[in-house]
PDB file of N, CA and C in Angstrom:
ATOM      1  N   MET A   1     -11.185  18.729  25.553  1.00  0.00           N
ATOM      2  CA  MET A   1     -10.099  17.803  25.338  1.00  0.00           C
ATOM      3  C   MET A   1      -8.980  18.685  24.386  1.00  0.00           C
ATOM      4  N   LYS A   2      -7.670  18.954  24.854  1.00  0.00           N
ATOM      5  CA  LYS A   2      -7.019  19.439  24.631  1.00  0.00           C
ATOM      6  C   LYS A   2      -6.539  19.048  23.036  1.00  0.00           C
ATOM      7  N   PHE A   3      -6.351  19.772  21.984  1.00  0.00           N
ATOM      8  CA  PHE A   3      -5.593  19.712  20.732  1.00  0.00           C
ATOM      9  C   PHE A   3      -4.389  18.412  20.679  1.00  0.00           C
ATOM     10  N   HIS A   4      -3.462  18.424  21.422  1.00  0.00           N
ATOM     11  CA  HIS A   4      -3.058  17.297  21.672  1.00  0.00           C
ATOM     12  C   HIS A   4      -3.169  15.858  21.600  1.00  0.00           C
ATOM     13  N   GLU A   5      -4.268  15.930  22.494  1.00  0.00           N
ATOM     14  CA  GLU A   5      -5.115  14.944  23.084  1.00  0.00           C
ATOM     15  C   GLU A   5      -6.051  14.135  21.904  1.00  0.00           C
ATOM     16  N   GLN A   6      -6.694  15.188  21.351  1.00  0.00           N
ATOM     17  CA  GLN A   6      -7.129  14.813  20.166  1.00  0.00           C
ATOM     18  C   GLN A   6      -6.516  14.149  18.874  1.00  0.00           C
ATOM     19  N   VAL A   7      -5.192  15.009  18.859  1.00  0.00           N
ATOM     20  CA  VAL A   7      -4.670  14.083  17.729  1.00  0.00           C
ATOM     21  C   VAL A   7      -3.953  12.843  18.296  1.00  0.00           C
ATOM     22  N   TYR A   8      -3.756  12.483  19.563  1.00  0.00           N
ATOM     23  CA  TYR A   8      -3.445  10.940  19.770  1.00  0.00           C
ATOM     24  C   TYR A   8      -4.966  10.271  19.571  1.00  0.00           C
ATOM     25  N   GLN A   9      -5.983  10.856  20.231  1.00  0.00           N
ATOM     26  CA  GLN A   9      -6.984   9.999  19.747  1.00  0.00           C
ATOM     27  C   GLN A   9      -7.460   9.493  18.602  1.00  0.00           C
ATOM     28  N   VAL A  10      -7.302  10.439  17.867  1.00  0.00           N
ATOM     29  CA  VAL A  10      -7.406  10.067  16.423  1.00  0.00           C
ATOM     30  C   VAL A  10      -6.054   9.142  15.879  1.00  0.00           C
ATOM     31  N   LEU A  11      -4.999   9.907  15.906  1.00  0.00           N
ATOM     32  CA  LEU A  11      -3.973   8.661  15.678  1.00  0.00           C
ATOM     33  C   LEU A  11      -4.060   7.242  15.877  1.00  0.00           C
ATOM     34  N   GLY A  12      -4.677   7.316  17.407  1.00  0.00           N
ATOM     35  CA  GLY A  12      -4.786   5.819  17.718  1.00  0.00           C
ATOM     36  C   GLY A  12      -5.578   4.740  17.134  1.00  0.00           C
ATOM     37  N   GLU A  13      -7.013   5.573  16.768  1.00  0.00           N
ATOM     38  CA  GLU A  13      -8.035   5.264  16.116  1.00  0.00           C
ATOM     39  C   GLU A  13      -7.092   4.427  14.684  1.00  0.00           C
ATOM     40  N   ILE A  14      -6.582   5.496  13.856  1.00  0.00           N
ATOM     41  CA  ILE A  14      -6.075   4.948  12.426  1.00  0.00           C
ATOM     42  C   ILE A  14      -5.127   4.103  12.927  1.00  0.00           C
ATOM     43  N   LYS A  15      -4.396   4.171  13.946  1.00  0.00           N
ATOM     44  CA  LYS A  15      -3.323   2.926  13.867  1.00  0.00           C
ATOM     45  C   LYS A  15      -3.750   1.586  14.461  1.00  0.00           C
ATOM     46  N   GLU A  16      -4.848   1.479  15.060  1.00  0.00           N
ATOM     47  CA  GLU A  16      -5.553   0.487  15.916  1.00  0.00           C
ATOM     48  C   GLU A  16      -6.503  -0.153  14.336  1.00  0.00           C
ATOM     49  N   MET A  17      -7.067   0.601  13.411  1.00  0.00           N
ATOM     50  CA  MET A  17      -7.560   0.522  12.178  1.00  0.00           C
ATOM     51  C   MET A  17      -6.926  -0.276  11.154  1.00  0.00           C
ATOM     52  N   LEU A  18      -5.541   0.323  10.985  1.00  0.00           N
ATOM     53  CA  LEU A  18      -4.185  -0.594  10.262  1.00  0.00           C
ATOM     54  C   LEU A  18      -3.984  -1.621  10.833  1.00  0.00           C
ATOM     55  N   ILE A  19      -3.333  -1.593  11.771  1.00  0.00           N
ATOM     56  CA  ILE A  19      -3.480  -3.328  12.852  1.00  0.00           C
ATOM     57  C   ILE A  19      -4.491  -4.150  12.605  1.00  0.00           C
ATOM     58  N   ALA A  20      -5.506  -3.963  12.950  1.00  0.00           N
ATOM     59  CA  ALA A  20      -6.693  -4.840  12.672  1.00  0.00           C
ATOM     60  C   ALA A  20      -6.835  -5.051  10.976  1.00  0.00           C
ATOM     61  N   LYS A  21      -6.688  -4.599  10.191  1.00  0.00           N
ATOM     62  CA  LYS A  21      -6.914  -4.847   8.786  1.00  0.00           C
ATOM     63  C   LYS A  21      -5.559  -5.668   8.270  1.00  0.00           C
ATOM     64  N   ASN A  22      -4.190  -4.884   8.691  1.00  0.00           N
ATOM     65  CA  ASN A  22      -3.125  -5.948   8.145  1.00  0.00           C
ATOM     66  C   ASN A  22      -3.323  -7.387   9.100  1.00  0.00           C
ATOM     67  N   GLN A  23      -4.048  -7.566  10.089  1.00  0.00           N
ATOM     68  CA  GLN A  23      -4.167  -9.009  10.329  1.00  0.00           C
ATOM     69  C   GLN A  23      -5.255  -9.537   9.654  1.00  0.00           C
ATOM     70  N   LYS A  24      -6.154  -8.837   9.346  1.00  0.00           N
ATOM     71  CA  LYS A  24      -6.930  -9.328   8.689  1.00  0.00           C
ATOM     72  C   LYS A  24      -7.181  -9.872   7.025  1.00  0.00           C
ATOM     73  N   TYR A  25      -6.179  -9.011   6.721  1.00  0.00           N
ATOM     74  CA  TYR A  25      -5.617  -9.096   5.266  1.00  0.00           C
ATOM     75  C   TYR A  25      -4.164  -9.789   4.834  1.00  0.00           C
ATOM     76  N   GLY A  26      -3.796  -9.342   5.885  1.00  0.00           N
ATOM     77  CA  GLY A  26      -1.936  -9.616   5.635  1.00  0.00           C
ATOM     78  C   GLY A  26      -1.699  -8.338   5.119  1.00  0.00           C
ATOM     79  N   ASN A  27      -0.165  -8.376   4.489  1.00  0.00           N
ATOM     80  CA  ASN A  27       0.412  -6.954   4.189  1.00  0.00           C
ATOM     81  C   ASN A  27       0.223  -6.741   2.876  1.00  0.00           C
ATOM     82  N   SER A  28      -0.954  -6.969   2.329  1.00  0.00           N
ATOM     83  CA  SER A  28      -1.325  -6.997   0.874  1.00  0.00           C
ATOM     84  C   SER A  28      -1.196  -5.188   0.131  1.00  0.00           C
ATOM     85  N   ALA A  29      -1.131  -4.558   1.152  1.00  0.00           N
ATOM     86  CA  ALA A  29      -1.282  -3.269   0.483  1.00  0.00           C
ATOM     87  C   ALA A  29       0.274  -3.076   0.174  1.00  0.00           C
ATOM     88  N   LEU A  30       0.955  -3.253   1.120  1.00  0.00           N
ATOM     89  CA  LEU A  30       2.498  -3.150   0.882  1.00  0.00           C
ATOM     90  C   LEU A  30       3.364  -4.283   0.145  1.00  0.00           C
ATOM     91  N   GLU A  31       2.847  -5.571   0.043  1.00  0.00           N
ATOM     92  CA  GLU A  31       3.331  -6.671  -0.510  1.00  0.00           C
ATOM     93  C   GLU A  31       1.805  -7.344  -1.484  1.00  0.00           C
ATOM     94  N   PRO A  32       1.675  -6.308  -2.456  1.00  0.00           N
ATOM     95  CA  PRO A  32       0.682  -7.259  -2.931  1.00  0.00           C
ATOM     96  C   PRO A  32       0.757  -8.597  -3.926  1.00  0.00           C
ATOM     97  N   LEU A  33       0.034  -9.508  -3.694  1.00  0.00           N
ATOM     98  CA  LEU A  33      -0.121 -10.848  -4.334  1.00  0.00           C
ATOM     99  C   LEU A  33       0.389 -10.705  -5.926  1.00  0.00           C
ATOM    100  N   GLY A  34      -0.457 -10.165  -6.696  1.00  0.00           N
ATOM    101  CA  GLY A  34      -0.114  -9.954  -7.922  1.00  0.00           C
ATOM    102  C   GLY A  34      -0.774 -11.078  -9.065  1.00  0.00           C
ATOM    103  N   VAL A  35      -1.892 -11.648  -8.600  1.00  0.00           N
ATOM    104  CA  VAL A  35      -2.478 -12.542  -9.321  1.00  0.00           C
ATOM    105  C   VAL A  35      -2.952 -12.031 -10.347  1.00  0.00           C
ATOM    106  N   PHE A  36      -3.943 -11.399 -10.194  1.00  0.00           N
ATOM    107  CA  PHE A  36      -4.716 -10.576 -11.306  1.00  0.00           C
ATOM    108  C   PHE A  36      -4.152  -9.193 -11.472  1.00  0.00           C
ATOM    109  N   SER A  37      -3.523  -8.256 -10.472  1.00  0.00           N
ATOM    110  CA  SER A  37      -3.140  -7.109 -10.715  1.00  0.00           C
ATOM    111  C   SER A  37      -1.168  -7.039 -10.949  1.00  0.00           C
ATOM    112  N   LYS A  38      -1.090  -6.420 -11.610  1.00  0.00           N
ATOM    113  CA  LYS A  38       0.436  -6.400 -11.838  1.00  0.00           C
ATOM    114  C   LYS A  38       0.968  -5.074 -11.353  1.00  0.00           C
ATOM    115  N   LEU A  39       0.115  -4.373 -10.554  1.00  0.00           N
ATOM    116  CA  LEU A  39       0.417  -2.781  -9.883  1.00  0.00           C
ATOM    117  C   LEU A  39       1.499  -2.767  -8.712  1.00  0.00           C
ATOM    118  N   SER A  40       2.522  -2.001  -8.755  1.00  0.00           N
ATOM    119  CA  SER A  40       3.339  -2.197  -7.987  1.00  0.00           C
ATOM    120  C   SER A  40       2.395  -1.824  -6.253  1.00  0.00           C
ATOM    121  N   ALA A  41       3.073  -1.920  -5.312  1.00  0.00           N
ATOM    122  CA  ALA A  41       2.473  -1.429  -3.943  1.00  0.00           C
ATOM    123  C   ALA A  41       2.096   0.338  -4.090  1.00  0.00           C
ATOM    124  N   GLU A  42       3.181   0.724  -4.457  1.00  0.00           N
ATOM    125  CA  GLU A  42       2.590   2.122  -4.887  1.00  0.00           C
ATOM    126  C   GLU A  42       1.324   2.414  -5.607  1.00  0.00           C
ATOM    127  N   GLU A  43       1.977   1.735  -6.529  1.00  0.00           N
ATOM    128  CA  GLU A  43       0.391   2.173  -7.507  1.00  0.00           C
ATOM    129  C   GLU A  43      -0.883   2.245  -6.921  1.00  0.00           C
ATOM    130  N   GLY A  44      -0.853   0.520  -6.494  1.00  0.00           N
ATOM    131  CA  GLY A  44      -2.213   0.076  -5.913  1.00  0.00           C
ATOM    132  C   GLY A  44      -2.459   1.300  -4.861  1.00  0.00           C
ATOM    133  N   LEU A  45      -1.503   1.496  -4.240  1.00  0.00           N
ATOM    134  CA  LEU A  45      -2.003   2.688  -2.770  1.00  0.00           C
ATOM    135  C   LEU A  45      -2.568   3.731  -3.511  1.00  0.00           C
ATOM    136  N   LEU A  46      -1.670   4.532  -4.252  1.00  0.00           N
ATOM    137  CA  LEU A  46      -2.379   5.352  -5.591  1.00  0.00           C
ATOM    138  C   LEU A  46      -3.740   5.282  -5.946  1.00  0.00           C
ATOM    139  N   VAL A  47      -3.780   4.086  -6.365  1.00  0.00           N
ATOM    140  CA  VAL A  47      -5.183   3.719  -7.113  1.00  0.00           C
ATOM    141  C   VAL A  47      -6.562   3.823  -5.992  1.00  0.00           C
ATOM    142  N   ARG A  48      -5.961   3.255  -4.722  1.00  0.00           N
ATOM    143  CA  ARG A  48      -7.107   3.116  -3.539  1.00  0.00           C
ATOM    144  C   ARG A  48      -7.238   4.632  -3.198  1.00  0.00           C
ATOM    145  N   ILE A  49      -5.937   5.461  -3.046  1.00  0.00           N
ATOM    146  CA  ILE A  49      -6.157   7.102  -2.635  1.00  0.00           C
ATOM    147  C   ILE A  49      -7.108   7.423  -3.838  1.00  0.00           C
ATOM    148  N   ASP A  50      -6.536   7.240  -4.961  1.00  0.00           N
ATOM    149  CA  ASP A  50      -7.953   8.217  -6.082  1.00  0.00           C
ATOM    150  C   ASP A  50      -9.054   7.879  -5.718  1.00  0.00           C
ATOM    151  N   ASP A  51      -9.505   6.305  -5.085  1.00  0.00           N
ATOM    152  CA  ASP A  51     -10.657   5.855  -5.194  1.00  0.00           C
ATOM    153  C   ASP A  51     -11.765   6.444  -3.944  1.00  0.00           C
ATOM    154  N   LYS A  52     -10.480   6.899  -2.815  1.00  0.00           N
ATOM    155  CA  LYS A  52     -11.382   7.525  -1.842  1.00  0.00           C
ATOM    156  C   LYS A  52     -11.412   9.178  -1.791  1.00  0.00           C
ATOM    157  N   LEU A  53     -10.573   9.305  -2.695  1.00  0.00           N
ATOM    158  CA  LEU A  53     -10.965  10.996  -3.038  1.00  0.00           C
ATOM    159  C   LEU A  53     -12.100  11.113  -4.104  1.00  0.00           C
ATOM    160  N   LYS A  54     -12.470  10.224  -5.123  1.00  0.00           N
ATOM    161  CA  LYS A  54     -13.332  10.317  -5.977  1.00  0.00           C
ATOM    162  C   LYS A  54     -14.994  10.212  -4.803  1.00  0.00           C
ATOM    163  N   ARG A  55     -14.679   9.510  -3.826  1.00  0.00           N
ATOM    164  CA  ARG A  55     -15.709   8.796  -3.276  1.00  0.00           C
ATOM    165  C   ARG A  55     -16.366  10.010  -2.453  1.00  0.00           C
ATOM    166  N   ILE A  56     -15.049  10.971  -1.708  1.00  0.00           N
ATOM    167  CA  ILE A  56     -15.089  11.913  -1.084  1.00  0.00           C
ATOM    168  C   ILE A  56     -16.306  13.426  -2.203  1.00  0.00           C
ATOM    169  N   LYS A  57     -15.182  13.249  -3.029  1.00  0.00           N
ATOM    170  CA  LYS A  57     -15.772  14.267  -4.104  1.00  0.00           C
ATOM    171  C   LYS A  57     -17.454  14.145  -4.124  1.00  0.00           C
ATOM    172  N   ASN A  58     -17.745  12.654  -4.390  1.00  0.00           N
ATOM    173  CA  ASN A  58     -19.236  12.527  -4.923  1.00  0.00           C
ATOM    174  C   ASN A  58     -20.187  12.447  -3.993  1.00  0.00           C
ATOM    175  N   GLY A  59     -19.534  12.748  -2.921  1.00  0.00           N
ATOM    176  CA  GLY A  59     -20.413  12.839  -1.629  1.00  0.00           C
ATOM    177  C   GLY A  59     -20.568  12.102  -0.469  1.00  0.00           C
ATOM    178  N   SER A  60     -19.656  10.622  -0.913  1.00  0.00           N
ATOM    179  CA  SER A  60     -19.813   9.933   0.631  1.00  0.00           C
ATOM    180  C   SER A  60     -19.602  10.304   1.844  1.00  0.00           C
ATOM    181  N   LEU A  61     -19.149  11.354   2.214  1.00  0.00           N
ATOM    182  CA  LEU A  61     -18.825  11.688   3.579  1.00  0.00           C
ATOM    183  C   LEU A  61     -20.255  11.547   4.286  1.00  0.00           C
ATOM    184  N   GLU A  62     -21.597  11.956   3.491  1.00  0.00           N
ATOM    185  CA  GLU A  62     -22.829  12.020   4.362  1.00  0.00           C
ATOM    186  C   GLU A  62     -22.948   9.980   4.419  1.00  0.00           C
ATOM    187  N   LYS A  63     -22.544   9.412   4.150  1.00  0.00           N
ATOM    188  CA  LYS A  63     -23.131   8.059   4.363  1.00  0.00           C
ATOM    189  C   LYS A  63     -22.465   7.605   5.177  1.00  0.00           C
ATOM    190  N   ASP A  64     -23.290   6.638   5.739  1.00  0.00           N
ATOM    191  CA  ASP A  64     -22.549   5.567   6.997  1.00  0.00           C
ATOM    192  C   ASP A  64     -21.854   4.571   6.605  1.00  0.00           C
ATOM    193  N   ASP A  65     -21.919   4.039   5.265  1.00  0.00           N
ATOM    194  CA  ASP A  65     -21.472   2.651   4.916  1.00  0.00           C
ATOM    195  C   ASP A  65     -20.059   2.510   5.066  1.00  0.00           C
ATOM    196  N   GLU A  66     -19.603   3.640   5.332  1.00  0.00           N
ATOM    197  CA  GLU A  66     -18.039   3.360   4.826  1.00  0.00           C
ATOM    198  C   GLU A  66     -17.205   4.554   5.749  1.00  0.00           C
ATOM    199  N   ASP A  67     -16.037   4.226   6.422  1.00  0.00           N
ATOM    200  CA  ASP A  67     -15.675   5.776   7.053  1.00  0.00           C
ATOM    201  C   ASP A  67     -14.309   6.317   5.860  1.00  0.00           C
ATOM    202  N   VAL A  68     -14.871   6.812   4.832  1.00  0.00           N
ATOM    203  CA  VAL A  68     -13.880   7.124   3.917  1.00  0.00           C
ATOM    204  C   VAL A  68     -12.592   7.985   4.391  1.00  0.00           C
ATOM    205  N   ILE A  69     -12.865   8.919   5.631  1.00  0.00           N
ATOM    206  CA  ILE A  69     -11.845   9.514   5.779  1.00  0.00           C
ATOM    207  C   ILE A  69     -10.515   8.818   6.568  1.00  0.00           C
ATOM    208  N   ASN A  70     -11.272   7.796   7.734  1.00  0.00           N
ATOM    209  CA  ASN A  70     -10.126   7.117   7.950  1.00  0.00           C
ATOM    210  C   ASN A  70      -9.193   6.231   7.017  1.00  0.00           C
ATOM    211  N   ASP A  71     -10.139   5.885   5.908  1.00  0.00           N
ATOM    212  CA  ASP A  71      -9.978   4.808   4.697  1.00  0.00           C
ATOM    213  C   ASP A  71      -8.450   5.972   4.060  1.00  0.00           C
ATOM    214  N   LEU A  72      -8.737   6.659   3.952  1.00  0.00           N
ATOM    215  CA  LEU A  72      -8.029   7.553   2.963  1.00  0.00           C
ATOM    216  C   LEU A  72      -6.709   7.896   4.176  1.00  0.00           C
ATOM    217  N   ILE A  73      -6.790   8.080   5.408  1.00  0.00           N
ATOM    218  CA  ILE A  73      -5.885   8.670   5.390  1.00  0.00           C
ATOM    219  C   ILE A  73      -4.910   7.172   5.909  1.00  0.00           C
ATOM    220  N   GLY A  74      -5.601   6.187   6.212  1.00  0.00           N
ATOM    221  CA  GLY A  74      -4.593   5.021   6.152  1.00  0.00           C
ATOM    222  C   GLY A  74      -3.938   4.480   5.379  1.00  0.00           C
ATOM    223  N   TYR A  75      -4.545   4.579   4.047  1.00  0.00           N
ATOM    224  CA  TYR A  75      -3.833   4.479   2.519  1.00  0.00           C
ATOM    225  C   TYR A  75      -2.802   5.649   2.770  1.00  0.00           C
ATOM    226  N   LEU A  76      -2.857   6.837   2.657  1.00  0.00           N
ATOM    227  CA  LEU A  76      -1.838   7.874   3.326  1.00  0.00           C
ATOM    228  C   LEU A  76      -0.660   7.263   4.062  1.00  0.00           C
ATOM    229  N   VAL A  77      -1.022   6.640   5.114  1.00  0.00           N
ATOM    230  CA  VAL A  77       0.074   6.218   6.093  1.00  0.00           C
ATOM    231  C   VAL A  77       0.520   5.015   5.249  1.00  0.00           C
ATOM    232  N   LEU A  78      -0.143   4.063   4.477  1.00  0.00           N
ATOM    233  CA  LEU A  78       0.541   2.527   4.182  1.00  0.00           C
ATOM    234  C   LEU A  78       1.444   3.836   2.995  1.00  0.00           C
ATOM    235  N   LEU A  79       1.271   4.603   2.183  1.00  0.00           N
ATOM    236  CA  LEU A  79       2.064   5.314   1.188  1.00  0.00           C
ATOM    237  C   LEU A  79       3.291   5.902   1.876  1.00  0.00           C
ATOM    238  N   LYS A  80       3.308   6.238   3.167  1.00  0.00           N
ATOM    239  CA  LYS A  80       4.273   6.703   3.781  1.00  0.00           C
ATOM    240  C   LYS A  80       4.943   5.946   4.281  1.00  0.00           C
ATOM    241  N   ILE A  81       4.818   4.712   4.584  1.00  0.00           N
ATOM    242  CA  ILE A  81       5.437   3.200   5.191  1.00  0.00           C
ATOM    243  C   ILE A  81       6.304   3.028   3.958  1.00  0.00           C
ATOM    244  N   HIS A  82       5.560   2.864   2.751  1.00  0.00           N
ATOM    245  CA  HIS A  82       6.304   2.676   1.677  1.00  0.00           C
ATOM    246  C   HIS A  82       7.649   3.368   1.022  1.00  0.00           C
ATOM    247  N   SER A  83       7.109   4.479   1.098  1.00  0.00           N
ATOM    248  CA  SER A  83       8.099   5.604   0.907  1.00  0.00           C
ATOM    249  C   SER A  83       9.260   5.286   1.626  1.00  0.00           C
ATOM    250  N   ASN A  84       9.227   5.424   2.732  1.00  0.00           N
ATOM    251  CA  ASN A  84      10.396   5.097   4.000  1.00  0.00           C
ATOM    252  C   ASN A  84      10.887   4.095   3.555  1.00  0.00           C
ATOM    253  N   ARG A  85      10.276   3.124   3.480  1.00  0.00           N
ATOM    254  CA  ARG A  85      11.190   1.460   2.957  1.00  0.00           C
ATOM    255  C   ARG A  85      11.742   2.078   1.477  1.00  0.00           C
ATOM    256  N   GLU A  86      11.239   2.452   0.471  1.00  0.00           N
ATOM    257  CA  GLU A  86      11.949   2.716  -0.458  1.00  0.00           C
ATOM    258  C   GLU A  86      13.059   3.710  -0.170  1.00  0.00           C
ATOM    259  N   GLN A  87      12.922   4.528   0.207  1.00  0.00           N
ATOM    260  CA  GLN A  87      13.964   5.425   0.946  1.00  0.00           C
ATOM    261  C   GLN A  87      15.238   4.635   1.638  1.00  0.00           C
ATOM    262  N   SER A  88      14.814   3.764   2.518  1.00  0.00           N
ATOM    263  CA  SER A  88      15.650   3.165   3.128  1.00  0.00           C
ATOM    264  C   SER A  88      16.596   2.161   2.302  1.00  0.00           C
ATOM    265  N   PHE A  89      15.913   1.800   1.161  1.00  0.00           N
ATOM    266  CA  PHE A  89      16.708   0.781   0.284  1.00  0.00           C
ATOM    267  C   PHE A  89      17.521   1.672  -0.585  1.00  0.00           C
ATOM    268  N   ASP A  90      17.464   2.710  -1.275  1.00  0.00           N
ATOM    269  CA  ASP A  90      17.706   3.629  -1.607  1.00  0.00           C
ATOM    270  C   ASP A  90      19.566   3.872  -1.365  1.00  0.00           C
ATOM    271  N   GLU A  91      19.065   4.453   0.206  1.00  0.00           N
ATOM    272  CA  GLU A  91      20.324   4.853   1.162  1.00  0.00           C
ATOM    273  C   GLU A  91      21.226   3.922   0.980  1.00  0.00           C
ATOM    274  N   LEU A  92      20.824   2.456   1.398  1.00  0.00           N
ATOM    275  CA  LEU A  92      21.923   1.373   1.272  1.00  0.00           C
ATOM    276  C   LEU A  92      23.117   1.615   0.258  1.00  0.00           C
ATOM    277  N   ASP A  93      22.652   1.969  -1.010  1.00  0.00           N
ATOM    278  CA  ASP A  93      23.996   2.148  -2.304  1.00  0.00           C
ATOM    279  C   ASP A  93      23.051   2.730  -3.442  1.00  0.00           C
ATOM    280  N   GLY A  94      23.319   4.618  -3.071  1.00  0.00           N
ATOM    281  CA  GLY A  94      22.746   5.175  -4.100  1.00  0.00           C
ATOM    282  C   GLY A  94      22.985   4.844  -5.651  1.00  0.00           C
ATOM    283  N   SER A  95      23.681   3.656  -6.209  1.00  0.00           N
ATOM    284  CA  SER A  95      23.758   3.652  -7.436  1.00  0.00           C
ATOM    285  C   SER A  95      22.927   2.192  -7.868  1.00  0.00           C
ATOM    286  N   HIS A  96      22.054   1.813  -6.802  1.00  0.00           N
ATOM    287  CA  HIS A  96      21.452   1.000  -7.425  1.00  0.00           C
ATOM    288  C   HIS A  96      20.110   1.666  -7.065  1.00  0.00           C
ATOM    289  N   ASN A  97      18.677   1.208  -8.067  1.00  0.00           N
ATOM    290  CA  ASN A  97      17.781   1.065  -8.518  1.00  0.00           C
ATOM    291  C   ASN A  97      16.778   0.178  -7.817  1.00  0.00           C
ATOM    292  N   TRP A  98      16.593   0.017  -6.826  1.00  0.00           N
ATOM    293  CA  TRP A  98      15.905  -1.376  -6.263  1.00  0.00           C
ATOM    294  C   TRP A  98      14.478  -1.788  -6.759  1.00  0.00           C
ATOM    295  N   ARG A  99      13.671  -0.883  -7.128  1.00  0.00           N
ATOM    296  CA  ARG A  99      12.194  -1.266  -8.024  1.00  0.00           C
ATOM    297  C   ARG A  99      13.323  -1.809  -9.261  1.00  0.00           C
ATOM    298  N   ASP A 100      14.146  -1.555  -9.861  1.00  0.00           N
ATOM    299  CA  ASP A 100      14.066  -2.065 -11.079  1.00  0.00           C
ATOM    300  C   ASP A 100      15.081  -3.399 -11.281  1.00  0.00           C
ATOM    301  N   ILE A 101      15.329  -3.336  -9.928  1.00  0.00           N
ATOM    302  CA  ILE A 101      16.249  -4.861  -9.371  1.00  0.00           C
ATOM    303  C   ILE A 101      15.267  -6.178  -9.146  1.00  0.00           C
ATOM    304  N   LYS A 102      13.857  -5.646  -8.501  1.00  0.00           N
ATOM    305  CA  LYS A 102      12.874  -6.144  -8.172  1.00  0.00           C
ATOM    306  C   LYS A 102      11.986  -6.616  -9.318  1.00  0.00           C
ATOM    307  N   GLN A 103      11.939  -6.187 -10.233  1.00  0.00           N
ATOM    308  CA  GLN A 103      11.050  -6.344 -11.506  1.00  0.00           C
ATOM    309  C   GLN A 103      12.067  -7.043 -12.700  1.00  0.00           C
ATOM    310  N   LYS A 104      13.342  -6.738 -12.297  1.00  0.00           N
ATOM    311  CA  LYS A 104      14.112  -7.962 -13.169  1.00  0.00           C
ATOM    312  C   LYS A 104      14.042  -9.226 -12.571  1.00  0.00           C
ATOM    313  N   GLN A 105      14.279  -9.328 -11.106  1.00  0.00           N
ATOM    314  CA  GLN A 105      14.156 -10.689 -10.369  1.00  0.00           C
ATOM    315  C   GLN A 105      12.592 -11.492 -10.881  1.00  0.00           C
ATOM    316  N   ASP A 106      12.052 -10.528 -10.937  1.00  0.00           N
ATOM    317  CA  ASP A 106      10.295 -11.008 -11.096  1.00  0.00           C
ATOM    318  C   ASP A 106      10.403 -11.469 -12.554  1.00  0.00           C
ATOM    319  N   LEU A 107      10.910 -11.040 -13.445  1.00  0.00           N
ATOM    320  CA  LEU A 107      10.794 -11.406 -15.050  1.00  0.00           C
ATOM    321  C   LEU A 107      11.870 -12.887 -15.099  1.00  0.00           C
ATOM    322  N   ILE A 108      12.988 -13.162 -14.269  1.00  0.00           N
ATOM    323  CA  ILE A 108      13.477 -14.281 -14.113  1.00  0.00           C
ATOM    324  C   ILE A 108      12.949 -14.975 -13.881  1.00  0.00           C
ATOM    325  N   LYS A 109      12.032 -14.701 -12.518  1.00  0.00           N
ATOM    326  CA  LYS A 109      11.357 -16.085 -12.525  1.00  0.00           C
ATOM    327  C   LYS A 109      10.205 -16.706 -13.267  1.00  0.00           C
ATOM    328  N   MET A 110       9.770 -15.647 -13.834  1.00  0.00           N
ATOM    329  CA  MET A 110       8.813 -15.955 -15.054  1.00  0.00           C
ATOM    330  C   MET A 110       9.074 -16.472 -16.035  1.00  0.00           C
ATOM    331  N   MET A 111      10.092 -16.050 -16.559  1.00  0.00           N
ATOM    332  CA  MET A 111      11.124 -16.753 -17.330  1.00  0.00           C
ATOM    333  C   MET A 111      11.482 -18.318 -17.390  1.00  0.00           C
ATOM    334  N   GLN A 112      12.238 -18.346 -15.913  1.00  0.00           N
ATOM    335  CA  GLN A 112      12.359 -20.011 -15.697  1.00  0.00           C
ATOM    336  C   GLN A 112      11.216 -20.707 -15.326  1.00  0.00           C
ATOM    337  N   ALA A 113       9.683 -20.430 -14.933  1.00  0.00           N
ATOM    338  CA  ALA A 113       8.569 -20.732 -14.811  1.00  0.00           C
ATOM    339  C   ALA A 113       8.235 -21.664 -16.455  1.00  0.00           C
ATOM    340  N   ASP A 114       8.163 -20.318 -17.258  1.00  0.00           N
ATOM    341  CA  ASP A 114       8.228 -20.681 -18.880  1.00  0.00           C
ATOM    342  C   ASP A 114       9.115 -21.982 -19.098  1.00  0.00           C
ATOM    343  N   LEU A 115      10.315 -21.894 -19.011  1.00  0.00           N
ATOM    344  CA  LEU A 115      11.080 -22.856 -19.470  1.00  0.00           C
ATOM    345  C   LEU A 115      11.079 -23.941 -18.927  1.00  0.00           C
ATOM    346  N   ARG A 116      10.687 -24.268 -17.648  1.00  0.00           N
ATOM    347  CA  ARG A 116      10.331 -25.537 -17.102  1.00  0.00           C
ATOM    348  C   ARG A 116       9.197 -26.048 -17.749  1.00  0.00           C
ATOM    349  N   ASP A 117       8.025 -25.089 -17.472  1.00  0.00           N
ATOM    350  CA  ASP A 117       6.629 -25.745 -18.432  1.00  0.00           C
ATOM    351  C   ASP A 117       6.868 -26.250 -20.219  1.00  0.00           C
ATOM    352  N   ASN A 118       7.976 -25.891 -20.701  1.00  0.00           N
ATOM    353  CA  ASN A 118       8.380 -26.209 -21.717  1.00  0.00           C
ATOM    354  C   ASN A 118       8.964 -27.445 -21.691  1.00  0.00           C
ATOM    355  N   LEU A 119       9.682 -27.682 -20.907  1.00  0.00           N
ATOM    356  CA  LEU A 119      10.786 -28.714 -20.596  1.00  0.00           C
ATOM    357  C   LEU A 119      10.312 -29.951 -20.443  1.00  0.00           C
ATOM    358  N   TYR A 120       9.023 -29.499 -19.403  1.00  0.00           N
ATOM    359  CA  TYR A 120       8.200 -30.901 -18.975  1.00  0.00           C
ATOM    360  C   TYR A 120       7.182 -31.188 -19.530  1.00  0.00           C
TER     361      TYR A 120
END
């Protein structure tokens, strides 16, 4: 098999895995629910990447219970997608820090909920 065919094959497997997991779990990696963890999407992905790298370092490549390499590649692809989204937001208007705006919006929602709870 030629190199470019191998690349297409491996990338096709990663693509299918990511699509299947997205259908199964929703878009939780890029849009975390935030019930227990308050990590941003980027921070959550970096934690997962760290976890996969630690498993590789600890010798998990020899175990059949999990495909650590495919998972790692998948998380890196998700991080790239997230990075592309962030970059496209920043290109809309370089004067805005969209992440700060989102955090402020979330804070306002929490304050509104607290006010409602205290009024009723």
